[in-house]
């Protein structure tokens, strides 16, 4: 899990997997799958990305933004003014 959450200039970078078109929103962290974010909106027209940012801003209290988009619904996000330790606590990652 430590390799998907990294210190970065003025904040952290963290990797997630996004599951659009879910029945309900959720953010789950596990050692096997990493951080998985389920979203209600489809991945068209930027709707899922807007939902993702809003959800993670609420969960972390940080102004989260998309840093990089990868294949297969993988994304790297940036959260300013938060430490790895704080993030792990908020996400209930041990």
PDB file of N, CA and C in Angstrom:
ATOM      1  N   UNK A   1       0.829  -1.195   0.000  1.00  0.00           N
ATOM      2  CA  UNK A   1       0.000   0.000   0.000  1.00  0.00           C
ATOM      3  C   UNK A   1       0.872   1.258   0.000  1.00  0.00           C
ATOM      4  N   UNK A   2       2.066   1.155   0.598  1.00  0.00           N
ATOM      5  CA  UNK A   2       2.941   2.325   0.679  1.00  0.00           C
ATOM      6  C   UNK A   2       3.396   2.826  -0.687  1.00  0.00           C
ATOM      7  N   UNK A   3       3.424   1.964  -1.682  1.00  0.00           N
ATOM      8  CA  UNK A   3       3.889   2.383  -2.998  1.00  0.00           C
ATOM      9  C   UNK A   3       2.836   3.133  -3.800  1.00  0.00           C
ATOM     10  N   UNK A   4       1.591   3.185  -3.317  1.00  0.00           N
ATOM     11  CA  UNK A   4       0.562   3.930  -4.045  1.00  0.00           C
ATOM     12  C   UNK A   4       0.250   5.281  -3.404  1.00  0.00           C
ATOM     13  N   UNK A   5       0.902   5.569  -2.265  1.00  0.00           N
ATOM     14  CA  UNK A   5       0.745   6.861  -1.594  1.00  0.00           C
ATOM     15  C   UNK A   5       2.137   7.418  -1.361  1.00  0.00           C
ATOM     16  N   UNK A   6       2.443   8.530  -2.021  1.00  0.00           N
ATOM     17  CA  UNK A   6       3.790   9.084  -1.962  1.00  0.00           C
ATOM     18  C   UNK A   6       3.783  10.548  -1.561  1.00  0.00           C
ATOM     19  N   UNK A   7       4.777  10.935  -0.766  1.00  0.00           N
ATOM     20  CA  UNK A   7       4.975  12.346  -0.460  1.00  0.00           C
ATOM     21  C   UNK A   7       5.307  13.071  -1.758  1.00  0.00           C
ATOM     22  N   UNK A   8       4.802  14.269  -1.905  1.00  0.00           N
ATOM     23  CA  UNK A   8       5.075  15.093  -3.077  1.00  0.00           C
ATOM     24  C   UNK A   8       5.153  16.538  -2.609  1.00  0.00           C
ATOM     25  N   UNK A   9       5.700  17.376  -3.421  1.00  0.00           N
ATOM     26  CA  UNK A   9       5.843  18.780  -3.075  1.00  0.00           C
ATOM     27  C   UNK A   9       4.511  19.359  -2.578  1.00  0.00           C
ATOM     28  N   UNK A  10       4.472  19.780  -1.322  1.00  0.00           N
ATOM     29  CA  UNK A  10       3.301  20.405  -0.697  1.00  0.00           C
ATOM     30  C   UNK A  10       2.084  19.493  -0.588  1.00  0.00           C
ATOM     31  N   UNK A  11       2.286  18.179  -0.525  1.00  0.00           N
ATOM     32  CA  UNK A  11       1.148  17.276  -0.394  1.00  0.00           C
ATOM     33  C   UNK A  11       1.528  15.839  -0.694  1.00  0.00           C
ATOM     34  N   UNK A  12       0.567  15.099  -1.239  1.00  0.00           N
ATOM     35  CA  UNK A  12       0.806  13.689  -1.574  1.00  0.00           C
ATOM     36  C   UNK A  12       0.242  13.358  -2.956  1.00  0.00           C
ATOM     37  N   UNK A  13       0.796  12.327  -3.544  1.00  0.00           N
ATOM     38  CA  UNK A  13       0.237  11.709  -4.743  1.00  0.00           C
ATOM     39  C   UNK A  13      -0.267  10.335  -4.321  1.00  0.00           C
ATOM     40  N   UNK A  14      -1.421   9.935  -4.828  1.00  0.00           N
ATOM     41  CA  UNK A  14      -1.922   8.605  -4.527  1.00  0.00           C
ATOM     42  C   UNK A  14      -2.648   8.033  -5.733  1.00  0.00           C
ATOM     43  N   UNK A  15      -2.542   6.720  -5.865  1.00  0.00           N
ATOM     44  CA  UNK A  15      -3.134   6.029  -7.005  1.00  0.00           C
ATOM     45  C   UNK A  15      -4.439   5.369  -6.582  1.00  0.00           C
ATOM     46  N   UNK A  16      -5.404   5.404  -7.496  1.00  0.00           N
ATOM     47  CA  UNK A  16      -6.700   4.780  -7.242  1.00  0.00           C
ATOM     48  C   UNK A  16      -7.165   4.027  -8.483  1.00  0.00           C
ATOM     49  N   UNK A  17      -8.134   3.153  -8.267  1.00  0.00           N
ATOM     50  CA  UNK A  17      -8.877   2.518  -9.352  1.00  0.00           C
ATOM     51  C   UNK A  17     -10.302   3.041  -9.249  1.00  0.00           C
ATOM     52  N   UNK A  18     -10.869   3.433 -10.377  1.00  0.00           N
ATOM     53  CA  UNK A  18     -12.219   3.986 -10.397  1.00  0.00           C
ATOM     54  C   UNK A  18     -13.171   2.971 -11.017  1.00  0.00           C
ATOM     55  N   UNK A  19     -14.315   2.809 -10.386  1.00  0.00           N
ATOM     56  CA  UNK A  19     -15.376   1.953 -10.924  1.00  0.00           C
ATOM     57  C   UNK A  19     -16.604   2.828 -11.183  1.00  0.00           C
ATOM     58  N   UNK A  20     -16.780   3.297 -12.419  1.00  0.00           N
ATOM     59  CA  UNK A  20     -17.954   4.103 -12.730  1.00  0.00           C
ATOM     60  C   UNK A  20     -19.198   3.219 -12.858  1.00  0.00           C
ATOM     61  N   UNK A  21     -20.366   3.858 -12.933  1.00  0.00           N
ATOM     62  CA  UNK A  21     -21.656   3.175 -13.090  1.00  0.00           C
ATOM     63  C   UNK A  21     -21.989   2.237 -11.938  1.00  0.00           C
ATOM     64  N   UNK A  22     -21.511   2.550 -10.744  1.00  0.00           N
ATOM     65  CA  UNK A  22     -21.819   1.728  -9.574  1.00  0.00           C
ATOM     66  C   UNK A  22     -23.206   2.096  -9.032  1.00  0.00           C
ATOM     67  N   UNK A  23     -23.766   1.246  -8.206  1.00  0.00           N
ATOM     68  CA  UNK A  23     -25.073   1.522  -7.612  1.00  0.00           C
ATOM     69  C   UNK A  23     -24.984   2.580  -6.524  1.00  0.00           C
ATOM     70  N   UNK A  24     -23.810   2.654  -5.853  1.00  0.00           N
ATOM     71  CA  UNK A  24     -23.620   3.675  -4.821  1.00  0.00           C
ATOM     72  C   UNK A  24     -22.151   4.083  -4.755  1.00  0.00           C
ATOM     73  N   UNK A  25     -21.921   5.263  -4.216  1.00  0.00           N
ATOM     74  CA  UNK A  25     -20.556   5.777  -4.049  1.00  0.00           C
ATOM     75  C   UNK A  25     -19.883   5.063  -2.885  1.00  0.00           C
ATOM     76  N   UNK A  26     -18.595   4.799  -3.049  1.00  0.00           N
ATOM     77  CA  UNK A  26     -17.818   4.282  -1.923  1.00  0.00           C
ATOM     78  C   UNK A  26     -16.331   4.481  -2.194  1.00  0.00           C
ATOM     79  N   UNK A  27     -15.584   4.523  -1.113  1.00  0.00           N
ATOM     80  CA  UNK A  27     -14.124   4.574  -1.175  1.00  0.00           C
ATOM     81  C   UNK A  27     -13.638   3.476  -0.252  1.00  0.00           C
ATOM     82  N   UNK A  28     -12.953   2.500  -0.826  1.00  0.00           N
ATOM     83  CA  UNK A  28     -12.468   1.365  -0.041  1.00  0.00           C
ATOM     84  C   UNK A  28     -10.979   1.183  -0.285  1.00  0.00           C
ATOM     85  N   UNK A  29     -10.278   0.853   0.776  1.00  0.00           N
ATOM     86  CA  UNK A  29      -8.841   0.598   0.670  1.00  0.00           C
ATOM     87  C   UNK A  29      -8.564  -0.799   1.186  1.00  0.00           C
ATOM     88  N   UNK A  30      -7.800  -1.570   0.400  1.00  0.00           N
ATOM     89  CA  UNK A  30      -7.411  -2.909   0.829  1.00  0.00           C
ATOM     90  C   UNK A  30      -5.985  -3.179   0.359  1.00  0.00           C
ATOM     91  N   UNK A  31      -5.338  -4.090   1.032  1.00  0.00           N
ATOM     92  CA  UNK A  31      -3.958  -4.420   0.662  1.00  0.00           C
ATOM     93  C   UNK A  31      -3.893  -5.053  -0.718  1.00  0.00           C
ATOM     94  N   UNK A  32      -4.898  -5.847  -1.096  1.00  0.00           N
ATOM     95  CA  UNK A  32      -4.895  -6.523  -2.389  1.00  0.00           C
ATOM     96  C   UNK A  32      -5.200  -5.580  -3.548  1.00  0.00           C
ATOM     97  N   UNK A  33      -6.250  -4.776  -3.412  1.00  0.00           N
ATOM     98  CA  UNK A  33      -6.727  -3.961  -4.531  1.00  0.00           C
ATOM     99  C   UNK A  33      -6.317  -2.498  -4.458  1.00  0.00           C
ATOM    100  N   UNK A  34      -5.718  -2.073  -3.369  1.00  0.00           N
ATOM    101  CA  UNK A  34      -5.364  -0.664  -3.221  1.00  0.00           C
ATOM    102  C   UNK A  34      -6.601   0.157  -2.895  1.00  0.00           C
ATOM    103  N   UNK A  35      -6.640   1.385  -3.383  1.00  0.00           N
ATOM    104  CA  UNK A  35      -7.781   2.269  -3.136  1.00  0.00           C
ATOM    105  C   UNK A  35      -8.719   2.173  -4.335  1.00  0.00           C
ATOM    106  N   UNK A  36      -9.959   1.766  -4.069  1.00  0.00           N
ATOM    107  CA  UNK A  36     -10.963   1.620  -5.114  1.00  0.00           C
ATOM    108  C   UNK A  36     -12.103   2.587  -4.812  1.00  0.00           C
ATOM    109  N   UNK A  37     -12.430   3.424  -5.799  1.00  0.00           N
ATOM    110  CA  UNK A  37     -13.499   4.401  -5.649  1.00  0.00           C
ATOM    111  C   UNK A  37     -14.627   4.028  -6.606  1.00  0.00           C
ATOM    112  N   UNK A  38     -15.796   3.741  -6.046  1.00  0.00           N
ATOM    113  CA  UNK A  38     -16.978   3.438  -6.859  1.00  0.00           C
ATOM    114  C   UNK A  38     -17.795   4.709  -7.028  1.00  0.00           C
ATOM    115  N   UNK A  39     -18.192   4.962  -8.276  1.00  0.00           N
ATOM    116  CA  UNK A  39     -18.912   6.186  -8.614  1.00  0.00           C
ATOM    117  C   UNK A  39     -20.219   5.851  -9.321  1.00  0.00           C
ATOM    118  N   UNK A  40     -21.226   6.650  -9.118  1.00  0.00           N
ATOM    119  CA  UNK A  40     -22.533   6.431  -9.736  1.00  0.00           C
ATOM    120  C   UNK A  40     -22.535   6.860 -11.202  1.00  0.00           C
ATOM    121  N   UNK A  41     -21.865   7.941 -11.514  1.00  0.00           N
ATOM    122  CA  UNK A  41     -21.887   8.490 -12.871  1.00  0.00           C
ATOM    123  C   UNK A  41     -21.088   7.654 -13.859  1.00  0.00           C
ATOM    124  N   UNK A  42     -21.478   7.714 -15.148  1.00  0.00           N
ATOM    125  CA  UNK A  42     -20.707   7.037 -16.198  1.00  0.00           C
ATOM    126  C   UNK A  42     -19.456   7.844 -16.537  1.00  0.00           C
ATOM    127  N   UNK A  43     -18.470   7.199 -17.164  1.00  0.00           N
ATOM    128  CA  UNK A  43     -17.218   7.887 -17.490  1.00  0.00           C
ATOM    129  C   UNK A  43     -17.305   8.689 -18.794  1.00  0.00           C
ATOM    130  N   UNK A  44     -18.391   9.382 -18.995  1.00  0.00           N
ATOM    131  CA  UNK A  44     -18.558  10.184 -20.213  1.00  0.00           C
ATOM    132  C   UNK A  44     -18.798  11.637 -19.838  1.00  0.00           C
ATOM    133  N   UNK A  45     -18.297  12.518 -20.649  1.00  0.00           N
ATOM    134  CA  UNK A  45     -18.518  13.944 -20.442  1.00  0.00           C
ATOM    135  C   UNK A  45     -17.910  14.506 -19.175  1.00  0.00           C
ATOM    136  N   UNK A  46     -16.987  13.782 -18.564  1.00  0.00           N
ATOM    137  CA  UNK A  46     -16.337  14.274 -17.351  1.00  0.00           C
ATOM    138  C   UNK A  46     -17.170  14.134 -16.093  1.00  0.00           C
ATOM    139  N   UNK A  47     -18.339  13.508 -16.201  1.00  0.00           N
ATOM    140  CA  UNK A  47     -19.226  13.380 -15.036  1.00  0.00           C
ATOM    141  C   UNK A  47     -18.607  12.561 -13.912  1.00  0.00           C
ATOM    142  N   UNK A  48     -18.002  11.430 -14.253  1.00  0.00           N
ATOM    143  CA  UNK A  48     -17.384  10.592 -13.225  1.00  0.00           C
ATOM    144  C   UNK A  48     -16.194  11.309 -12.578  1.00  0.00           C
ATOM    145  N   UNK A  49     -15.411  12.026 -13.353  1.00  0.00           N
ATOM    146  CA  UNK A  49     -14.272  12.768 -12.790  1.00  0.00           C
ATOM    147  C   UNK A  49     -14.734  13.842 -11.822  1.00  0.00           C
ATOM    148  N   UNK A  50     -15.793  14.552 -12.156  1.00  0.00           N
ATOM    149  CA  UNK A  50     -16.320  15.576 -11.238  1.00  0.00           C
ATOM    150  C   UNK A  50     -16.823  14.929  -9.946  1.00  0.00           C
ATOM    151  N   UNK A  51     -17.524  13.814 -10.081  1.00  0.00           N
ATOM    152  CA  UNK A  51     -18.010  13.097  -8.904  1.00  0.00           C
ATOM    153  C   UNK A  51     -16.836  12.606  -8.053  1.00  0.00           C
ATOM    154  N   UNK A  52     -15.801  12.089  -8.704  1.00  0.00           N
ATOM    155  CA  UNK A  52     -14.605  11.601  -8.012  1.00  0.00           C
ATOM    156  C   UNK A  52     -13.962  12.702  -7.174  1.00  0.00           C
ATOM    157  N   UNK A  53     -13.749  13.843  -7.784  1.00  0.00           N
ATOM    158  CA  UNK A  53     -13.100  14.959  -7.086  1.00  0.00           C
ATOM    159  C   UNK A  53     -13.944  15.425  -5.903  1.00  0.00           C
ATOM    160  N   UNK A  54     -15.241  15.565  -6.114  1.00  0.00           N
ATOM    161  CA  UNK A  54     -16.137  16.007  -5.038  1.00  0.00           C
ATOM    162  C   UNK A  54     -16.123  15.014  -3.876  1.00  0.00           C
ATOM    163  N   UNK A  55     -16.198  13.737  -4.185  1.00  0.00           N
ATOM    164  CA  UNK A  55     -16.196  12.706  -3.146  1.00  0.00           C
ATOM    165  C   UNK A  55     -14.899  12.716  -2.354  1.00  0.00           C
ATOM    166  N   UNK A  56     -13.764  12.754  -3.045  1.00  0.00           N
ATOM    167  CA  UNK A  56     -12.481  12.715  -2.338  1.00  0.00           C
ATOM    168  C   UNK A  56     -12.181  14.005  -1.586  1.00  0.00           C
ATOM    169  N   UNK A  57     -12.689  15.131  -2.064  1.00  0.00           N
ATOM    170  CA  UNK A  57     -12.553  16.377  -1.298  1.00  0.00           C
ATOM    171  C   UNK A  57     -13.304  16.252   0.021  1.00  0.00           C
ATOM    172  N   UNK A  58     -14.472  15.636  -0.034  1.00  0.00           N
ATOM    173  CA  UNK A  58     -15.271  15.446   1.177  1.00  0.00           C
ATOM    174  C   UNK A  58     -14.584  14.490   2.148  1.00  0.00           C
ATOM    175  N   UNK A  59     -14.064  13.404   1.643  1.00  0.00           N
ATOM    176  CA  UNK A  59     -13.424  12.387   2.487  1.00  0.00           C
ATOM    177  C   UNK A  59     -12.134  12.900   3.111  1.00  0.00           C
ATOM    178  N   UNK A  60     -11.313  13.600   2.332  1.00  0.00           N
ATOM    179  CA  UNK A  60      -9.990  14.011   2.821  1.00  0.00           C
ATOM    180  C   UNK A  60      -9.942  15.422   3.392  1.00  0.00           C
ATOM    181  N   UNK A  61     -10.880  16.265   3.013  1.00  0.00           N
ATOM    182  CA  UNK A  61     -10.835  17.664   3.432  1.00  0.00           C
ATOM    183  C   UNK A  61      -9.763  18.443   2.695  1.00  0.00           C
ATOM    184  N   UNK A  62      -9.216  17.855   1.642  1.00  0.00           N
ATOM    185  CA  UNK A  62      -8.160  18.476   0.854  1.00  0.00           C
ATOM    186  C   UNK A  62      -8.679  18.791  -0.543  1.00  0.00           C
ATOM    187  N   UNK A  63      -8.070  19.753  -1.180  1.00  0.00           N
ATOM    188  CA  UNK A  63      -8.468  20.166  -2.520  1.00  0.00           C
ATOM    189  C   UNK A  63      -7.870  19.201  -3.557  1.00  0.00           C
ATOM    190  N   UNK A  64      -8.395  17.998  -3.606  1.00  0.00           N
ATOM    191  CA  UNK A  64      -7.888  16.918  -4.457  1.00  0.00           C
ATOM    192  C   UNK A  64      -8.051  17.276  -5.931  1.00  0.00           C
ATOM    193  N   UNK A  65      -7.051  16.897  -6.738  1.00  0.00           N
ATOM    194  CA  UNK A  65      -7.143  17.095  -8.189  1.00  0.00           C
ATOM    195  C   UNK A  65      -6.535  15.894  -8.906  1.00  0.00           C
ATOM    196  N   UNK A  66      -6.935  15.702 -10.155  1.00  0.00           N
ATOM    197  CA  UNK A  66      -6.390  14.611 -10.953  1.00  0.00           C
ATOM    198  C   UNK A  66      -5.014  15.030 -11.457  1.00  0.00           C
ATOM    199  N   UNK A  67      -4.016  14.229 -11.151  1.00  0.00           N
ATOM    200  CA  UNK A  67      -2.632  14.502 -11.540  1.00  0.00           C
ATOM    201  C   UNK A  67      -2.314  13.822 -12.868  1.00  0.00           C
ATOM    202  N   UNK A  68      -2.782  12.572 -13.014  1.00  0.00           N
ATOM    203  CA  UNK A  68      -2.521  11.817 -14.240  1.00  0.00           C
ATOM    204  C   UNK A  68      -3.582  10.728 -14.391  1.00  0.00           C
ATOM    205  N   UNK A  69      -4.009  10.495 -15.628  1.00  0.00           N
ATOM    206  CA  UNK A  69      -4.947   9.424 -15.928  1.00  0.00           C
ATOM    207  C   UNK A  69      -4.200   8.320 -16.660  1.00  0.00           C
ATOM    208  N   UNK A  70      -4.433   7.083 -16.235  1.00  0.00           N
ATOM    209  CA  UNK A  70      -3.788   5.917 -16.826  1.00  0.00           C
ATOM    210  C   UNK A  70      -4.846   5.075 -17.536  1.00  0.00           C
ATOM    211  N   UNK A  71      -4.458   3.936 -18.032  1.00  0.00           N
ATOM    212  CA  UNK A  71      -5.402   3.020 -18.678  1.00  0.00           C
ATOM    213  C   UNK A  71      -6.249   2.290 -17.637  1.00  0.00           C
ATOM    214  N   UNK A  72      -7.362   1.758 -18.096  1.00  0.00           N
ATOM    215  CA  UNK A  72      -8.218   0.896 -17.277  1.00  0.00           C
ATOM    216  C   UNK A  72      -8.706   1.541 -15.982  1.00  0.00           C
ATOM    217  N   UNK A  73      -9.128   2.769 -16.062  1.00  0.00           N
ATOM    218  CA  UNK A  73      -9.718   3.480 -14.925  1.00  0.00           C
ATOM    219  C   UNK A  73      -8.744   3.704 -13.770  1.00  0.00           C
ATOM    220  N   UNK A  74      -7.455   3.685 -14.033  1.00  0.00           N
ATOM    221  CA  UNK A  74      -6.447   3.978 -13.024  1.00  0.00           C
ATOM    222  C   UNK A  74      -6.125   5.473 -13.088  1.00  0.00           C
ATOM    223  N   UNK A  75      -5.989   6.098 -11.929  1.00  0.00           N
ATOM    224  CA  UNK A  75      -5.662   7.518 -11.879  1.00  0.00           C
ATOM    225  C   UNK A  75      -4.671   7.777 -10.756  1.00  0.00           C
ATOM    226  N   UNK A  76      -3.855   8.795 -10.954  1.00  0.00           N
ATOM    227  CA  UNK A  76      -3.007   9.312  -9.891  1.00  0.00           C
ATOM    228  C   UNK A  76      -3.585  10.670  -9.516  1.00  0.00           C
ATOM    229  N   UNK A  77      -3.830  10.879  -8.235  1.00  0.00           N
ATOM    230  CA  UNK A  77      -4.414  12.119  -7.748  1.00  0.00           C
ATOM    231  C   UNK A  77      -3.430  12.847  -6.854  1.00  0.00           C
ATOM    232  N   UNK A  78      -3.604  14.156  -6.768  1.00  0.00           N
ATOM    233  CA  UNK A  78      -2.775  14.991  -5.908  1.00  0.00           C
ATOM    234  C   UNK A  78      -3.654  15.611  -4.836  1.00  0.00           C
ATOM    235  N   UNK A  79      -3.205  15.530  -3.593  1.00  0.00           N
ATOM    236  CA  UNK A  79      -3.899  16.164  -2.474  1.00  0.00           C
ATOM    237  C   UNK A  79      -2.908  17.094  -1.781  1.00  0.00           C
ATOM    238  N   UNK A  80      -3.116  18.414  -1.887  1.00  0.00           N
ATOM    239  CA  UNK A  80      -2.194  19.352  -1.255  1.00  0.00           C
ATOM    240  C   UNK A  80      -2.431  19.457   0.251  1.00  0.00           C
ATOM    241  N   UNK A  81      -1.403  19.884   0.941  1.00  0.00           N
ATOM    242  CA  UNK A  81      -1.499  20.195   2.370  1.00  0.00           C
ATOM    243  C   UNK A  81      -2.007  19.046   3.232  1.00  0.00           C
ATOM    244  N   UNK A  82      -1.594  17.839   2.893  1.00  0.00           N
ATOM    245  CA  UNK A  82      -1.934  16.668   3.698  1.00  0.00           C
ATOM    246  C   UNK A  82      -0.723  15.734   3.663  1.00  0.00           C
ATOM    247  N   UNK A  83      -0.491  15.046   4.769  1.00  0.00           N
ATOM    248  CA  UNK A  83       0.643  14.120   4.827  1.00  0.00           C
ATOM    249  C   UNK A  83       0.162  12.703   4.522  1.00  0.00           C
ATOM    250  N   UNK A  84       1.104  11.820   4.242  1.00  0.00           N
ATOM    251  CA  UNK A  84       0.776  10.416   4.012  1.00  0.00           C
ATOM    252  C   UNK A  84       0.085   9.857   5.253  1.00  0.00           C
ATOM    253  N   UNK A  85       0.600  10.185   6.409  1.00  0.00           N
ATOM    254  CA  UNK A  85       0.033   9.695   7.671  1.00  0.00           C
ATOM    255  C   UNK A  85      -1.411  10.157   7.850  1.00  0.00           C
ATOM    256  N   UNK A  86      -1.668  11.442   7.616  1.00  0.00           N
ATOM    257  CA  UNK A  86      -3.036  11.965   7.727  1.00  0.00           C
ATOM    258  C   UNK A  86      -3.964  11.272   6.730  1.00  0.00           C
ATOM    259  N   UNK A  87      -3.492  11.114   5.502  1.00  0.00           N
ATOM    260  CA  UNK A  87      -4.293  10.482   4.466  1.00  0.00           C
ATOM    261  C   UNK A  87      -4.648   9.041   4.848  1.00  0.00           C
ATOM    262  N   UNK A  88      -3.656   8.285   5.312  1.00  0.00           N
ATOM    263  CA  UNK A  88      -3.901   6.910   5.706  1.00  0.00           C
ATOM    264  C   UNK A  88      -4.920   6.843   6.849  1.00  0.00           C
ATOM    265  N   UNK A  89      -4.836   7.774   7.772  1.00  0.00           N
ATOM    266  CA  UNK A  89      -5.794   7.814   8.876  1.00  0.00           C
ATOM    267  C   UNK A  89      -7.213   8.089   8.340  1.00  0.00           C
ATOM    268  N   UNK A  90      -7.347   9.083   7.471  1.00  0.00           N
ATOM    269  CA  UNK A  90      -8.655   9.425   6.904  1.00  0.00           C
ATOM    270  C   UNK A  90      -9.245   8.285   6.073  1.00  0.00           C
ATOM    271  N   UNK A  91      -8.389   7.537   5.401  1.00  0.00           N
ATOM    272  CA  UNK A  91      -8.831   6.452   4.533  1.00  0.00           C
ATOM    273  C   UNK A  91      -8.893   5.115   5.277  1.00  0.00           C
ATOM    274  N   UNK A  92      -8.563   5.137   6.572  1.00  0.00           N
ATOM    275  CA  UNK A  92      -8.566   3.937   7.407  1.00  0.00           C
ATOM    276  C   UNK A  92      -7.629   2.863   6.849  1.00  0.00           C
ATOM    277  N   UNK A  93      -6.429   3.298   6.466  1.00  0.00           N
ATOM    278  CA  UNK A  93      -5.397   2.401   5.946  1.00  0.00           C
ATOM    279  C   UNK A  93      -4.380   2.174   7.050  1.00  0.00           C
ATOM    280  N   UNK A  94      -4.090   0.924   7.320  1.00  0.00           N
ATOM    281  CA  UNK A  94      -3.138   0.613   8.397  1.00  0.00           C
ATOM    282  C   UNK A  94      -1.790   0.267   7.840  1.00  0.00           C
TER     283      UNK A  94
END
